[in-house]
N, C-alpha and C. Protein backbone atom coordinates (compact mmCIF):
# COMPACT_ATOMS: atom_id res chain seq x y z
N MET A 1 0.83 -1.17 0.00
CA MET A 1 0.00 0.00 0.00
C MET A 1 0.88 1.24 0.00
N THR A 2 0.54 2.17 -0.85
CA THR A 2 1.35 3.36 -0.98
C THR A 2 0.93 4.40 0.04
N TYR A 3 1.77 5.36 0.18
CA TYR A 3 1.51 6.45 1.12
C TYR A 3 0.26 7.22 0.71
N GLU A 4 0.06 7.44 -0.59
CA GLU A 4 -1.11 8.18 -1.08
C GLU A 4 -2.40 7.42 -0.80
N ALA A 5 -2.39 6.11 -0.97
CA ALA A 5 -3.58 5.31 -0.69
C ALA A 5 -3.92 5.34 0.80
N THR A 6 -2.91 5.30 1.64
CA THR A 6 -3.13 5.37 3.08
C THR A 6 -3.69 6.73 3.47
N ALA A 7 -3.17 7.79 2.89
CA ALA A 7 -3.64 9.14 3.18
C ALA A 7 -5.08 9.31 2.71
N GLU A 8 -5.41 8.78 1.53
CA GLU A 8 -6.79 8.88 1.03
C GLU A 8 -7.75 8.11 1.92
N ALA A 9 -7.34 6.96 2.42
CA ALA A 9 -8.19 6.17 3.32
C ALA A 9 -8.43 6.92 4.63
N GLN A 10 -7.38 7.57 5.15
CA GLN A 10 -7.52 8.34 6.38
C GLN A 10 -8.45 9.54 6.16
N ILE A 11 -8.31 10.20 5.02
CA ILE A 11 -9.17 11.34 4.70
C ILE A 11 -10.62 10.88 4.60
N GLU A 12 -10.84 9.74 3.96
CA GLU A 12 -12.20 9.19 3.83
C GLU A 12 -12.80 8.89 5.21
N ARG A 13 -12.02 8.29 6.11
CA ARG A 13 -12.50 8.02 7.47
C ARG A 13 -12.81 9.31 8.21
N LEU A 14 -11.96 10.32 8.03
CA LEU A 14 -12.21 11.61 8.69
C LEU A 14 -13.50 12.26 8.17
N HIS A 15 -13.75 12.15 6.87
CA HIS A 15 -14.99 12.70 6.31
C HIS A 15 -16.21 11.99 6.91
N ASP A 16 -16.11 10.66 7.06
CA ASP A 16 -17.21 9.90 7.67
C ASP A 16 -17.44 10.33 9.12
N GLU A 17 -16.36 10.52 9.86
CA GLU A 17 -16.49 10.95 11.25
C GLU A 17 -17.09 12.35 11.34
N VAL A 18 -16.69 13.23 10.44
CA VAL A 18 -17.23 14.59 10.43
C VAL A 18 -18.73 14.55 10.14
N GLU A 19 -19.16 13.72 9.20
CA GLU A 19 -20.59 13.60 8.90
C GLU A 19 -21.36 13.08 10.11
N LYS A 20 -20.80 12.09 10.82
CA LYS A 20 -21.45 11.58 12.02
C LYS A 20 -21.56 12.65 13.10
N LEU A 21 -20.48 13.41 13.29
CA LEU A 21 -20.49 14.48 14.29
C LEU A 21 -21.49 15.58 13.93
N GLU A 22 -21.59 15.92 12.64
CA GLU A 22 -22.57 16.92 12.22
C GLU A 22 -23.99 16.45 12.47
N GLU A 23 -24.24 15.16 12.23
CA GLU A 23 -25.57 14.62 12.50
C GLU A 23 -25.88 14.64 13.99
N LEU A 24 -24.91 14.28 14.83
CA LEU A 24 -25.10 14.35 16.27
C LEU A 24 -25.37 15.78 16.72
N LEU A 25 -24.68 16.72 16.13
CA LEU A 25 -24.87 18.13 16.48
C LEU A 25 -26.27 18.60 16.10
N ARG A 26 -26.78 18.17 14.94
CA ARG A 26 -28.15 18.53 14.55
C ARG A 26 -29.16 17.97 15.55
N HIS A 27 -28.96 16.73 15.97
CA HIS A 27 -29.86 16.13 16.95
C HIS A 27 -29.78 16.86 18.28
N ALA A 28 -28.58 17.24 18.68
CA ALA A 28 -28.41 17.96 19.94
C ALA A 28 -29.10 19.33 19.88
N ASP A 29 -28.98 20.01 18.74
CA ASP A 29 -29.64 21.31 18.58
C ASP A 29 -31.16 21.16 18.66
N MET A 30 -31.69 20.10 18.05
CA MET A 30 -33.13 19.87 18.11
C MET A 30 -33.57 19.58 19.54
N MET A 31 -32.78 18.81 20.28
CA MET A 31 -33.14 18.51 21.67
C MET A 31 -33.10 19.75 22.53
N VAL A 32 -32.09 20.60 22.34
CA VAL A 32 -31.99 21.84 23.12
C VAL A 32 -33.18 22.75 22.82
N ALA A 33 -33.54 22.87 21.55
CA ALA A 33 -34.68 23.70 21.18
C ALA A 33 -35.97 23.15 21.78
N TRP A 34 -36.15 21.85 21.76
CA TRP A 34 -37.35 21.23 22.33
C TRP A 34 -37.42 21.47 23.83
N GLU A 35 -36.30 21.26 24.53
CA GLU A 35 -36.28 21.47 25.98
C GLU A 35 -36.53 22.93 26.33
N ALA A 36 -35.96 23.85 25.55
CA ALA A 36 -36.17 25.27 25.83
C ALA A 36 -37.63 25.65 25.63
N THR A 37 -38.27 25.12 24.61
CA THR A 37 -39.68 25.42 24.35
C THR A 37 -40.55 24.89 25.47
N HIS A 38 -40.34 23.65 25.88
CA HIS A 38 -41.18 23.06 26.91
C HIS A 38 -40.90 23.67 28.28
N ALA A 39 -39.67 24.02 28.55
CA ALA A 39 -39.36 24.67 29.83
C ALA A 39 -40.02 26.04 29.89
N ARG A 40 -40.05 26.75 28.78
CA ARG A 40 -40.66 28.07 28.75
C ARG A 40 -42.17 27.96 28.96
N ASP A 41 -42.81 26.93 28.36
CA ASP A 41 -44.24 26.73 28.55
C ASP A 41 -44.56 26.47 30.02
N GLY A 42 -43.79 25.63 30.66
CA GLY A 42 -44.01 25.34 32.07
C GLY A 42 -43.79 26.56 32.94
N PHE A 43 -42.78 27.34 32.61
CA PHE A 43 -42.49 28.56 33.36
C PHE A 43 -43.62 29.56 33.19
N GLN A 44 -44.16 29.67 31.98
CA GLN A 44 -45.26 30.59 31.71
C GLN A 44 -46.49 30.20 32.53
N GLU A 45 -46.78 28.90 32.64
CA GLU A 45 -47.91 28.44 33.43
C GLU A 45 -47.72 28.78 34.91
N GLU A 46 -46.48 28.64 35.41
CA GLU A 46 -46.22 28.98 36.80
C GLU A 46 -46.42 30.47 37.06
N ILE A 47 -46.00 31.30 36.12
CA ILE A 47 -46.18 32.75 36.27
C ILE A 47 -47.66 33.09 36.28
N GLU A 48 -48.43 32.52 35.34
CA GLU A 48 -49.86 32.79 35.28
C GLU A 48 -50.55 32.31 36.55
N LYS A 49 -50.15 31.18 37.08
CA LYS A 49 -50.76 30.66 38.30
C LYS A 49 -50.45 31.57 39.48
N ALA A 50 -49.21 32.07 39.55
CA ALA A 50 -48.83 32.95 40.65
C ALA A 50 -49.57 34.29 40.58
N LEU A 51 -49.80 34.79 39.37
CA LEU A 51 -50.49 36.07 39.21
C LEU A 51 -52.00 35.93 39.23
N GLY A 52 -52.50 34.71 39.20
CA GLY A 52 -53.94 34.49 39.24
C GLY A 52 -54.62 34.72 37.90
N ILE A 53 -53.86 34.56 36.81
CA ILE A 53 -54.44 34.69 35.47
C ILE A 53 -54.32 33.35 34.76
N GLY A 54 -54.83 33.28 33.57
CA GLY A 54 -54.74 32.02 32.82
C GLY A 54 -56.06 31.31 32.84
N ARG A 55 -56.10 30.15 33.48
CA ARG A 55 -57.32 29.36 33.54
C ARG A 55 -58.25 29.96 34.58
N GLN A 56 -59.24 30.64 34.11
CA GLN A 56 -60.20 31.27 35.00
C GLN A 56 -61.57 30.68 34.77
N GLU A 57 -62.43 30.88 35.75
CA GLU A 57 -63.79 30.39 35.62
C GLU A 57 -64.53 31.22 34.59
N LYS A 58 -65.19 30.56 33.67
CA LYS A 58 -65.89 31.27 32.61
C LYS A 58 -67.27 31.68 33.11
N PRO A 59 -67.81 32.78 32.61
CA PRO A 59 -69.15 33.19 33.04
C PRO A 59 -70.22 32.25 32.51
N ALA A 60 -71.40 32.34 33.09
CA ALA A 60 -72.49 31.46 32.71
C ALA A 60 -72.97 31.78 31.30
N VAL A 61 -73.49 30.77 30.63
CA VAL A 61 -74.04 30.95 29.29
C VAL A 61 -75.37 31.69 29.45
N LYS A 62 -75.54 32.79 28.75
CA LYS A 62 -76.68 33.67 28.98
C LYS A 62 -78.04 33.10 28.56
N PRO A 63 -78.22 32.56 27.37
CA PRO A 63 -79.58 32.19 26.99
C PRO A 63 -80.06 30.85 27.57
N ARG A 64 -79.35 30.31 28.56
CA ARG A 64 -79.74 29.02 29.13
C ARG A 64 -79.82 29.13 30.64
N SER A 65 -80.61 28.25 31.21
CA SER A 65 -80.67 28.16 32.66
C SER A 65 -80.88 26.69 33.03
N LYS A 66 -80.68 26.40 34.29
CA LYS A 66 -80.87 25.03 34.75
C LYS A 66 -81.83 25.03 35.93
N ILE A 67 -82.55 23.95 36.05
CA ILE A 67 -83.50 23.80 37.14
C ILE A 67 -83.43 22.36 37.62
N LYS A 68 -83.58 22.19 38.93
CA LYS A 68 -83.49 20.86 39.51
C LYS A 68 -84.89 20.25 39.63
N ASN A 69 -85.01 19.01 39.19
CA ASN A 69 -86.27 18.30 39.31
C ASN A 69 -86.36 17.75 40.74
N PRO A 70 -87.33 18.20 41.52
CA PRO A 70 -87.39 17.75 42.92
C PRO A 70 -87.75 16.28 43.08
N ILE A 71 -88.37 15.70 42.08
CA ILE A 71 -88.77 14.30 42.20
C ILE A 71 -87.60 13.36 41.90
N THR A 72 -86.93 13.59 40.77
CA THR A 72 -85.82 12.70 40.38
C THR A 72 -84.48 13.16 40.93
N GLY A 73 -84.36 14.44 41.26
CA GLY A 73 -83.09 14.96 41.76
C GLY A 73 -82.08 15.26 40.67
N THR A 74 -82.49 15.22 39.41
CA THR A 74 -81.58 15.52 38.30
C THR A 74 -81.77 16.95 37.84
N TRP A 75 -80.78 17.46 37.11
CA TRP A 75 -80.82 18.83 36.60
C TRP A 75 -81.25 18.81 35.14
N THR A 76 -82.06 19.81 34.77
CA THR A 76 -82.53 19.95 33.40
C THR A 76 -82.12 21.32 32.90
N LYS A 77 -81.57 21.35 31.70
CA LYS A 77 -81.16 22.61 31.09
C LYS A 77 -82.27 23.06 30.16
N ARG A 78 -82.61 24.34 30.22
CA ARG A 78 -83.69 24.83 29.37
C ARG A 78 -83.30 26.16 28.75
N ASP A 79 -83.99 26.47 27.66
CA ASP A 79 -83.78 27.74 26.97
C ASP A 79 -84.34 28.85 27.85
N TYR A 80 -83.62 29.94 27.98
CA TYR A 80 -84.01 31.01 28.90
C TYR A 80 -85.19 31.81 28.37
N LYS A 81 -85.26 32.01 27.06
CA LYS A 81 -86.31 32.86 26.49
C LYS A 81 -87.62 32.11 26.26
N SER A 82 -87.53 30.84 25.93
CA SER A 82 -88.74 30.04 25.72
C SER A 82 -88.72 28.88 26.71
N PRO A 83 -89.86 28.26 26.97
CA PRO A 83 -89.88 27.18 27.96
C PRO A 83 -89.41 25.83 27.43
N LYS A 84 -88.60 25.80 26.38
CA LYS A 84 -88.14 24.53 25.81
C LYS A 84 -87.02 23.93 26.65
N PHE A 85 -87.16 22.64 26.95
CA PHE A 85 -86.09 21.93 27.65
C PHE A 85 -85.07 21.44 26.63
N MET A 86 -83.80 21.61 26.96
CA MET A 86 -82.74 21.28 26.01
C MET A 86 -82.06 19.95 26.34
N ASP A 87 -81.78 19.72 27.61
CA ASP A 87 -81.00 18.55 27.97
C ASP A 87 -81.27 18.19 29.43
N ARG A 88 -81.07 16.92 29.78
CA ARG A 88 -81.21 16.47 31.16
C ARG A 88 -80.00 15.64 31.52
N LYS A 89 -79.47 15.85 32.72
CA LYS A 89 -78.29 15.11 33.16
C LYS A 89 -78.70 13.78 33.78
N ALA A 90 -77.88 12.78 33.57
CA ALA A 90 -78.16 11.47 34.14
C ALA A 90 -77.71 11.41 35.60
N ASP A 91 -76.65 12.13 35.92
CA ASP A 91 -76.16 12.11 37.30
C ASP A 91 -76.73 13.31 38.07
N PRO A 92 -76.64 13.31 39.39
CA PRO A 92 -77.25 14.40 40.17
C PRO A 92 -76.43 15.69 40.21
N LYS A 93 -75.29 15.74 39.53
CA LYS A 93 -74.47 16.96 39.53
C LYS A 93 -75.09 17.99 38.60
N PRO A 94 -75.00 19.28 38.94
CA PRO A 94 -75.57 20.31 38.07
C PRO A 94 -74.71 20.56 36.84
N PHE A 95 -75.29 21.22 35.83
CA PHE A 95 -74.54 21.60 34.63
C PHE A 95 -73.51 22.65 35.00
N ALA A 96 -72.33 22.57 34.38
CA ALA A 96 -71.29 23.56 34.62
C ALA A 96 -71.46 24.70 33.63
N GLY A 97 -71.34 25.92 34.11
CA GLY A 97 -71.39 27.09 33.25
C GLY A 97 -72.79 27.49 32.81
N VAL A 98 -73.81 26.97 33.47
CA VAL A 98 -75.20 27.34 33.15
C VAL A 98 -75.80 27.90 34.42
N ARG A 99 -76.41 29.07 34.32
CA ARG A 99 -76.95 29.70 35.53
C ARG A 99 -78.26 29.05 35.95
N LYS A 100 -78.56 29.17 37.23
CA LYS A 100 -79.78 28.60 37.77
C LYS A 100 -80.95 29.52 37.42
N THR A 101 -82.14 28.95 37.35
CA THR A 101 -83.31 29.77 37.11
C THR A 101 -83.60 30.61 38.35
N ARG A 102 -84.35 31.67 38.16
CA ARG A 102 -84.60 32.59 39.28
C ARG A 102 -85.40 31.92 40.38
N MET A 103 -86.27 31.02 40.03
CA MET A 103 -87.04 30.30 41.05
C MET A 103 -86.10 29.47 41.93
N GLU A 104 -85.07 28.85 41.33
CA GLU A 104 -84.15 28.01 42.08
C GLU A 104 -83.24 28.85 42.97
N THR A 105 -82.82 30.04 42.49
CA THR A 105 -81.93 30.87 43.29
C THR A 105 -82.67 31.54 44.43
N ALA A 106 -83.99 31.68 44.33
CA ALA A 106 -84.76 32.31 45.40
C ALA A 106 -84.87 31.40 46.62
N LYS A 107 -84.69 30.10 46.44
CA LYS A 107 -84.81 29.16 47.57
C LYS A 107 -83.63 29.21 48.47
């Protein structure tokens, strides 16, 4: 084997190693960017929680109201402007985000 052939083989191996290192560097950059994005999201949630902003209770839906059936103990959602019933819950928990009818709040 000549000196030139040995040098060319070494250069070829070095090129392969450089390509592998560049690929590892690309993966490392992607991981750093991913971690920075997710860490920032978590930090933003902590700031919003500390300041009392972010996930807040939404106001009641205006054109609807709920009333409790005294016989069955279930809640029924109805249209506020007309006496049409819209939905009935199977469990005894009230609807979330729907205001009570005035008759129910007077009790």
